[in-house]
Every structure is written in structure tokens, then in C-alpha cells.
């Protein structure tokens, strides 16, 4: 089932952090390199992630978390927001490590695109690490195309040469 969460207070924080458990663990080295206790470091990363959502992300126009849920478990998630009328930014597409390679990322992303189409024409941009073949294949299968050799993070207004810039265009029917 596809869930759209447009209000921070409606997020099940534990279920969301379970989707991002692997990334949160990996981010401990970046954000808290001196913290030797990994459980403490993960807790700090999770707390920072949730504060970002509450204090920054949900302040953007039409900000939404999209979740693919099955049997009460949040399997895959991503977030979108409107950067300017008709231009949206997608980030943080991730699937729980124990549910990968089963098409959940595709199901989520294609479901989000179908929902967005109901609002008329739009462009949806994303950045994907050039080494992340699974994510690149998922995006391309959903109709995204690489439009730039350098990804652009619209929320932080930063370019990154490690990422491709991808775009999905829907011109309406």
C-alpha cells in the first residue's frame, strides 16, 4: 500500500528509521567520527534526521514522505517537495536491507509518479550516486533519464560530481 505523509507529526518515526537503518549506520562515520559507541552514534544520526524533517524538510511547499507499506511494515520510502511550480525534487529513495531486490523501490517510485500525474504536468528531479546501479536501474525503469553528469541537490543548492542528475517529465494527457 502506498502512503503519502504530508505532516511530520503523522510519521511513525521508528518505522521510518527502520527503512533507513543501513544509511543511518553508515552516516555515523561522517557525522560522528569520534563516537566509538555505534548505538549512541546511530541514535544521534536518527535524531538529526528527524530534526531535519521537522525543522527543514516539511517547511517546503508540498513536502511529502511516500512510503510503501506491506503487512504494517514500512518497506521502502522517499520524499518529494515542490521547488517551484511544476518542479519537484525527489530524494532519499531507500528500501529496507532485508527487502531489497524484490521490486519494492520500483513499486514505490512508480506509485508516486502515478499519484503525481493526477495533479497535471510536472518535472521531478533527483540525484543518484553514479555507483548506485540498483537505484539508477529503478529510476530508468520508471521513466527517468540522466540529464546531467553532475547531480544537483535543490534543497541544499549544491552540485555533486559523484551523482548523476536525473529527471522525469510528465506533460499531462
C-alpha atoms as a PDB file:
ATOM      1  CA  UNK A   1       0.000   0.000   0.000  1.00  0.00           C
ATOM      2  CA  UNK A   2       1.251   3.481  -0.885  1.00  0.00           C
ATOM      3  CA  UNK A   3       1.171   6.057   1.916  1.00  0.00           C
ATOM      4  CA  UNK A   4       1.617   9.801   1.449  1.00  0.00           C
ATOM      5  CA  UNK A   5       2.580  11.649   4.622  1.00  0.00           C
ATOM      6  CA  UNK A   6       2.333  15.427   4.321  1.00  0.00           C
ATOM      7  CA  UNK A   7       2.542  16.174   8.054  1.00  0.00           C
ATOM      8  CA  UNK A   8       5.649  15.449  10.129  1.00  0.00           C
ATOM      9  CA  UNK A   9       3.516  14.530  13.145  1.00  0.00           C
ATOM     10  CA  UNK A  10       1.972  11.630  11.205  1.00  0.00           C
ATOM     11  CA  UNK A  11       5.319   9.893  10.612  1.00  0.00           C
ATOM     12  CA  UNK A  12       5.902   6.683  12.523  1.00  0.00           C
ATOM     13  CA  UNK A  13       9.468   7.555  13.450  1.00  0.00           C
ATOM     14  CA  UNK A  14      10.573   4.012  14.334  1.00  0.00           C
ATOM     15  CA  UNK A  15       9.197   2.521  11.119  1.00  0.00           C
ATOM     16  CA  UNK A  16      10.865   5.245   9.062  1.00  0.00           C
ATOM     17  CA  UNK A  17      14.214   4.825  10.801  1.00  0.00           C
ATOM     18  CA  UNK A  18      13.982   1.066  10.167  1.00  0.00           C
ATOM     19  CA  UNK A  19      13.815   1.782   6.414  1.00  0.00           C
ATOM     20  CA  UNK A  20      16.959   3.924   6.674  1.00  0.00           C
ATOM     21  CA  UNK A  21      18.820   1.726   9.185  1.00  0.00           C
ATOM     22  CA  UNK A  22      21.718   0.896   6.868  1.00  0.00           C
ATOM     23  CA  UNK A  23      22.247   4.504   5.751  1.00  0.00           C
ATOM     24  CA  UNK A  24      21.962   5.783   9.297  1.00  0.00           C
ATOM     25  CA  UNK A  25      24.644   3.321  10.417  1.00  0.00           C
ATOM     26  CA  UNK A  26      26.903   4.340   7.506  1.00  0.00           C
ATOM     27  CA  UNK A  27      26.348   8.038   8.297  1.00  0.00           C
ATOM     28  CA  UNK A  28      27.737   7.622  11.814  1.00  0.00           C
ATOM     29  CA  UNK A  29      31.288   7.781  10.442  1.00  0.00           C
ATOM     30  CA  UNK A  30      30.518  11.022   8.610  1.00  0.00           C
ATOM     31  CA  UNK A  31      28.546  12.856  11.293  1.00  0.00           C
ATOM     32  CA  UNK A  32      30.054  11.383  14.471  1.00  0.00           C
ATOM     33  CA  UNK A  33      33.528  10.034  13.626  1.00  0.00           C
ATOM     34  CA  UNK A  34      34.722  10.329  17.232  1.00  0.00           C
ATOM     35  CA  UNK A  35      31.808   8.428  18.760  1.00  0.00           C
ATOM     36  CA  UNK A  36      33.079   4.915  19.477  1.00  0.00           C
ATOM     37  CA  UNK A  37      29.733   3.546  20.658  1.00  0.00           C
ATOM     38  CA  UNK A  38      27.871   2.794  17.395  1.00  0.00           C
ATOM     39  CA  UNK A  39      24.483   2.554  19.115  1.00  0.00           C
ATOM     40  CA  UNK A  40      24.918   6.072  20.502  1.00  0.00           C
ATOM     41  CA  UNK A  41      26.129   7.321  17.118  1.00  0.00           C
ATOM     42  CA  UNK A  42      23.144   5.762  15.305  1.00  0.00           C
ATOM     43  CA  UNK A  43      20.788   7.308  17.836  1.00  0.00           C
ATOM     44  CA  UNK A  44      22.362  10.722  17.192  1.00  0.00           C
ATOM     45  CA  UNK A  45      22.095  10.272  13.409  1.00  0.00           C
ATOM     46  CA  UNK A  46      18.436   9.264  13.714  1.00  0.00           C
ATOM     47  CA  UNK A  47      17.707  12.235  15.941  1.00  0.00           C
ATOM     48  CA  UNK A  48      19.379  14.593  13.468  1.00  0.00           C
ATOM     49  CA  UNK A  49      17.468  13.020  10.576  1.00  0.00           C
ATOM     50  CA  UNK A  50      14.142  13.543  12.331  1.00  0.00           C
ATOM     51  CA  UNK A  51      15.023  17.115  13.295  1.00  0.00           C
ATOM     52  CA  UNK A  52      15.888  17.822   9.657  1.00  0.00           C
ATOM     53  CA  UNK A  53      12.488  16.534   8.569  1.00  0.00           C
ATOM     54  CA  UNK A  54      10.600  18.528  11.175  1.00  0.00           C
ATOM     55  CA  UNK A  55      12.580  21.779  11.064  1.00  0.00           C
ATOM     56  CA  UNK A  56      13.611  21.958   7.409  1.00  0.00           C
ATOM     57  CA  UNK A  57      12.066  19.472   5.005  1.00  0.00           C
ATOM     58  CA  UNK A  58       8.413  19.926   5.939  1.00  0.00           C
ATOM     59  CA  UNK A  59       8.745  23.688   5.541  1.00  0.00           C
ATOM     60  CA  UNK A  60       8.955  23.237   1.756  1.00  0.00           C
ATOM     61  CA  UNK A  61       5.889  23.530  -0.432  1.00  0.00           C
ATOM     62  CA  UNK A  62       4.009  20.287  -0.981  1.00  0.00           C
ATOM     63  CA  UNK A  63       6.596  18.341   1.054  1.00  0.00           C
ATOM     64  CA  UNK A  64       5.654  14.686   1.411  1.00  0.00           C
ATOM     65  CA  UNK A  65       7.108  11.422   2.558  1.00  0.00           C
ATOM     66  CA  UNK A  66       5.971   8.494   0.449  1.00  0.00           C
ATOM     67  CA  UNK A  67       6.088   5.013   1.925  1.00  0.00           C
ATOM     68  CA  UNK A  68       5.407   1.562   0.534  1.00  0.00           C
ATOM     69  CA  UNK A  69       3.882  -0.444   3.363  1.00  0.00           C
ATOM     70  CA  UNK A  70       3.152  -4.157   3.475  1.00  0.00           C
ATOM     71  CA  UNK A  71       1.594  -6.002   6.424  1.00  0.00           C
ATOM     72  CA  UNK A  72       2.171  -2.972   8.653  1.00  0.00           C
ATOM     73  CA  UNK A  73       5.895  -2.832   7.833  1.00  0.00           C
ATOM     74  CA  UNK A  74       7.372   0.171   6.086  1.00  0.00           C
ATOM     75  CA  UNK A  75       9.410  -1.377   3.278  1.00  0.00           C
ATOM     76  CA  UNK A  76      10.542   1.485   1.078  1.00  0.00           C
ATOM     77  CA  UNK A  77      10.433   5.279   1.359  1.00  0.00           C
ATOM     78  CA  UNK A  78      11.277   8.501  -0.457  1.00  0.00           C
ATOM     79  CA  UNK A  79      10.479  12.166  -0.074  1.00  0.00           C
ATOM     80  CA  UNK A  80       9.413  14.848  -2.524  1.00  0.00           C
ATOM     81  CA  UNK A  81       8.824  18.577  -2.373  1.00  0.00           C
ATOM     82  CA  UNK A  82       7.972  21.321  -4.816  1.00  0.00           C
ATOM     83  CA  UNK A  83      10.914  23.585  -5.628  1.00  0.00           C
ATOM     84  CA  UNK A  84       8.911  25.905  -7.875  1.00  0.00           C
ATOM     85  CA  UNK A  85       5.524  25.484  -9.548  1.00  0.00           C
ATOM     86  CA  UNK A  86       5.617  22.247 -11.527  1.00  0.00           C
ATOM     87  CA  UNK A  87       9.198  21.357 -10.496  1.00  0.00           C
ATOM     88  CA  UNK A  88       9.639  18.754  -7.758  1.00  0.00           C
ATOM     89  CA  UNK A  89      12.699  17.290  -6.117  1.00  0.00           C
ATOM     90  CA  UNK A  90      12.914  13.673  -5.009  1.00  0.00           C
ATOM     91  CA  UNK A  91      15.433  12.379  -2.518  1.00  0.00           C
ATOM     92  CA  UNK A  92      16.220   9.530  -0.160  1.00  0.00           C
ATOM     93  CA  UNK A  93      14.721   6.615  -2.087  1.00  0.00           C
ATOM     94  CA  UNK A  94      15.590   3.630   0.050  1.00  0.00           C
ATOM     95  CA  UNK A  95      14.375   0.108   0.745  1.00  0.00           C
ATOM     96  CA  UNK A  96      14.911  -1.828   3.959  1.00  0.00           C
ATOM     97  CA  UNK A  97      18.018  -4.017   3.596  1.00  0.00           C
ATOM     98  CA  UNK A  98      16.030  -7.213   4.278  1.00  0.00           C
ATOM     99  CA  UNK A  99      13.562  -6.432   1.448  1.00  0.00           C
ATOM    100  CA  UNK A 100      15.878  -5.361  -1.372  1.00  0.00           C
ATOM    101  CA  UNK A 101      15.946  -6.805  -4.886  1.00  0.00           C
ATOM    102  CA  UNK A 102      12.241  -7.623  -4.764  1.00  0.00           C
ATOM    103  CA  UNK A 103      10.884  -4.644  -6.716  1.00  0.00           C
ATOM    104  CA  UNK A 104       9.704  -2.552  -3.758  1.00  0.00           C
ATOM    105  CA  UNK A 105      11.673   0.538  -4.789  1.00  0.00           C
ATOM    106  CA  UNK A 106      10.132   0.307  -8.242  1.00  0.00           C
ATOM    107  CA  UNK A 107       6.647  -0.202  -6.791  1.00  0.00           C
ATOM    108  CA  UNK A 108       7.058   2.845  -4.584  1.00  0.00           C
ATOM    109  CA  UNK A 109       8.529   5.128  -7.239  1.00  0.00           C
ATOM    110  CA  UNK A 110       6.069   4.131  -9.958  1.00  0.00           C
ATOM    111  CA  UNK A 111       3.183   4.560  -7.484  1.00  0.00           C
ATOM    112  CA  UNK A 112       4.390   8.045  -6.553  1.00  0.00           C
ATOM    113  CA  UNK A 113       4.614   9.012 -10.227  1.00  0.00           C
ATOM    114  CA  UNK A 114       1.058   7.789 -10.857  1.00  0.00           C
ATOM    115  CA  UNK A 115      -0.224   9.817  -7.886  1.00  0.00           C
ATOM    116  CA  UNK A 116       1.658  12.926  -9.021  1.00  0.00           C
ATOM    117  CA  UNK A 117       0.202  12.624 -12.531  1.00  0.00           C
ATOM    118  CA  UNK A 118      -3.238  13.276 -11.072  1.00  0.00           C
ATOM    119  CA  UNK A 119      -2.102  16.847 -10.380  1.00  0.00           C
ATOM    120  CA  UNK A 120      -1.219  17.560 -14.019  1.00  0.00           C
ATOM    121  CA  UNK A 121       2.110  18.130 -15.729  1.00  0.00           C
ATOM    122  CA  UNK A 122       5.321  18.246 -13.702  1.00  0.00           C
ATOM    123  CA  UNK A 123       9.059  17.639 -13.691  1.00  0.00           C
ATOM    124  CA  UNK A 124      10.612  15.502 -10.970  1.00  0.00           C
ATOM    125  CA  UNK A 125      14.384  15.736 -10.473  1.00  0.00           C
ATOM    126  CA  UNK A 126      16.678  13.513  -8.446  1.00  0.00           C
ATOM    127  CA  UNK A 127      20.381  12.869  -7.850  1.00  0.00           C
ATOM    128  CA  UNK A 128      21.704   9.326  -7.794  1.00  0.00           C
ATOM    129  CA  UNK A 129      25.228   8.233  -6.975  1.00  0.00           C
ATOM    130  CA  UNK A 130      26.951   7.090 -10.168  1.00  0.00           C
ATOM    131  CA  UNK A 131      27.975   3.856  -8.405  1.00  0.00           C
ATOM    132  CA  UNK A 132      24.425   3.009  -7.282  1.00  0.00           C
ATOM    133  CA  UNK A 133      23.445   0.812 -10.213  1.00  0.00           C
ATOM    134  CA  UNK A 134      20.356  -0.600  -8.500  1.00  0.00           C
ATOM    135  CA  UNK A 135      18.877   2.868  -7.933  1.00  0.00           C
ATOM    136  CA  UNK A 136      19.819   4.034 -11.430  1.00  0.00           C
ATOM    137  CA  UNK A 137      18.094   0.988 -12.966  1.00  0.00           C
ATOM    138  CA  UNK A 138      14.999   1.552 -10.827  1.00  0.00           C
ATOM    139  CA  UNK A 139      14.786   5.208 -11.872  1.00  0.00           C
ATOM    140  CA  UNK A 140      15.301   4.390 -15.553  1.00  0.00           C
ATOM    141  CA  UNK A 141      12.691   1.592 -15.394  1.00  0.00           C
ATOM    142  CA  UNK A 142      10.227   4.187 -14.056  1.00  0.00           C
ATOM    143  CA  UNK A 143      10.960   6.573 -16.937  1.00  0.00           C
ATOM    144  CA  UNK A 144      13.662   8.833 -15.512  1.00  0.00           C
ATOM    145  CA  UNK A 145      16.538   9.806 -17.750  1.00  0.00           C
ATOM    146  CA  UNK A 146      20.007  11.078 -16.972  1.00  0.00           C
ATOM    147  CA  UNK A 147      20.099  14.768 -17.844  1.00  0.00           C
ATOM    148  CA  UNK A 148      23.396  15.748 -16.241  1.00  0.00           C
ATOM    149  CA  UNK A 149      26.754  14.214 -15.371  1.00  0.00           C
ATOM    150  CA  UNK A 150      26.576  16.248 -12.156  1.00  0.00           C
ATOM    151  CA  UNK A 151      23.733  15.883  -9.689  1.00  0.00           C
ATOM    152  CA  UNK A 152      22.119  18.960  -8.188  1.00  0.00           C
ATOM    153  CA  UNK A 153      20.605  18.944  -4.700  1.00  0.00           C
ATOM    154  CA  UNK A 154      17.828  21.528  -4.908  1.00  0.00           C
ATOM    155  CA  UNK A 155      17.310  21.667  -1.139  1.00  0.00           C
ATOM    156  CA  UNK A 156      20.946  22.420  -0.278  1.00  0.00           C
ATOM    157  CA  UNK A 157      21.645  24.152  -3.589  1.00  0.00           C
ATOM    158  CA  UNK A 158      24.767  22.046  -4.136  1.00  0.00           C
ATOM    159  CA  UNK A 159      26.221  20.176  -7.105  1.00  0.00           C
ATOM    160  CA  UNK A 160      27.932  16.819  -6.716  1.00  0.00           C
ATOM    161  CA  UNK A 161      30.123  15.215  -9.376  1.00  0.00           C
ATOM    162  CA  UNK A 162      29.657  11.797  -7.754  1.00  0.00           C
ATOM    163  CA  UNK A 163      25.974  11.876  -8.745  1.00  0.00           C
ATOM    164  CA  UNK A 164      24.026  11.881 -11.977  1.00  0.00           C
ATOM    165  CA  UNK A 165      21.208  14.378 -12.352  1.00  0.00           C
ATOM    166  CA  UNK A 166      18.008  12.555 -13.321  1.00  0.00           C
ATOM    167  CA  UNK A 167      14.658  13.845 -14.459  1.00  0.00           C
ATOM    168  CA  UNK A 168      11.169  12.553 -15.081  1.00  0.00           C
ATOM    169  CA  UNK A 169       8.829  14.700 -17.175  1.00  0.00           C
ATOM    170  CA  UNK A 170       5.091  14.361 -17.333  1.00  0.00           C
ATOM    171  CA  UNK A 171       3.381  16.674 -19.791  1.00  0.00           C
ATOM    172  CA  UNK A 172      -0.183  15.691 -18.939  1.00  0.00           C
ATOM    173  CA  UNK A 173      -2.685  13.957 -21.091  1.00  0.00           C
END
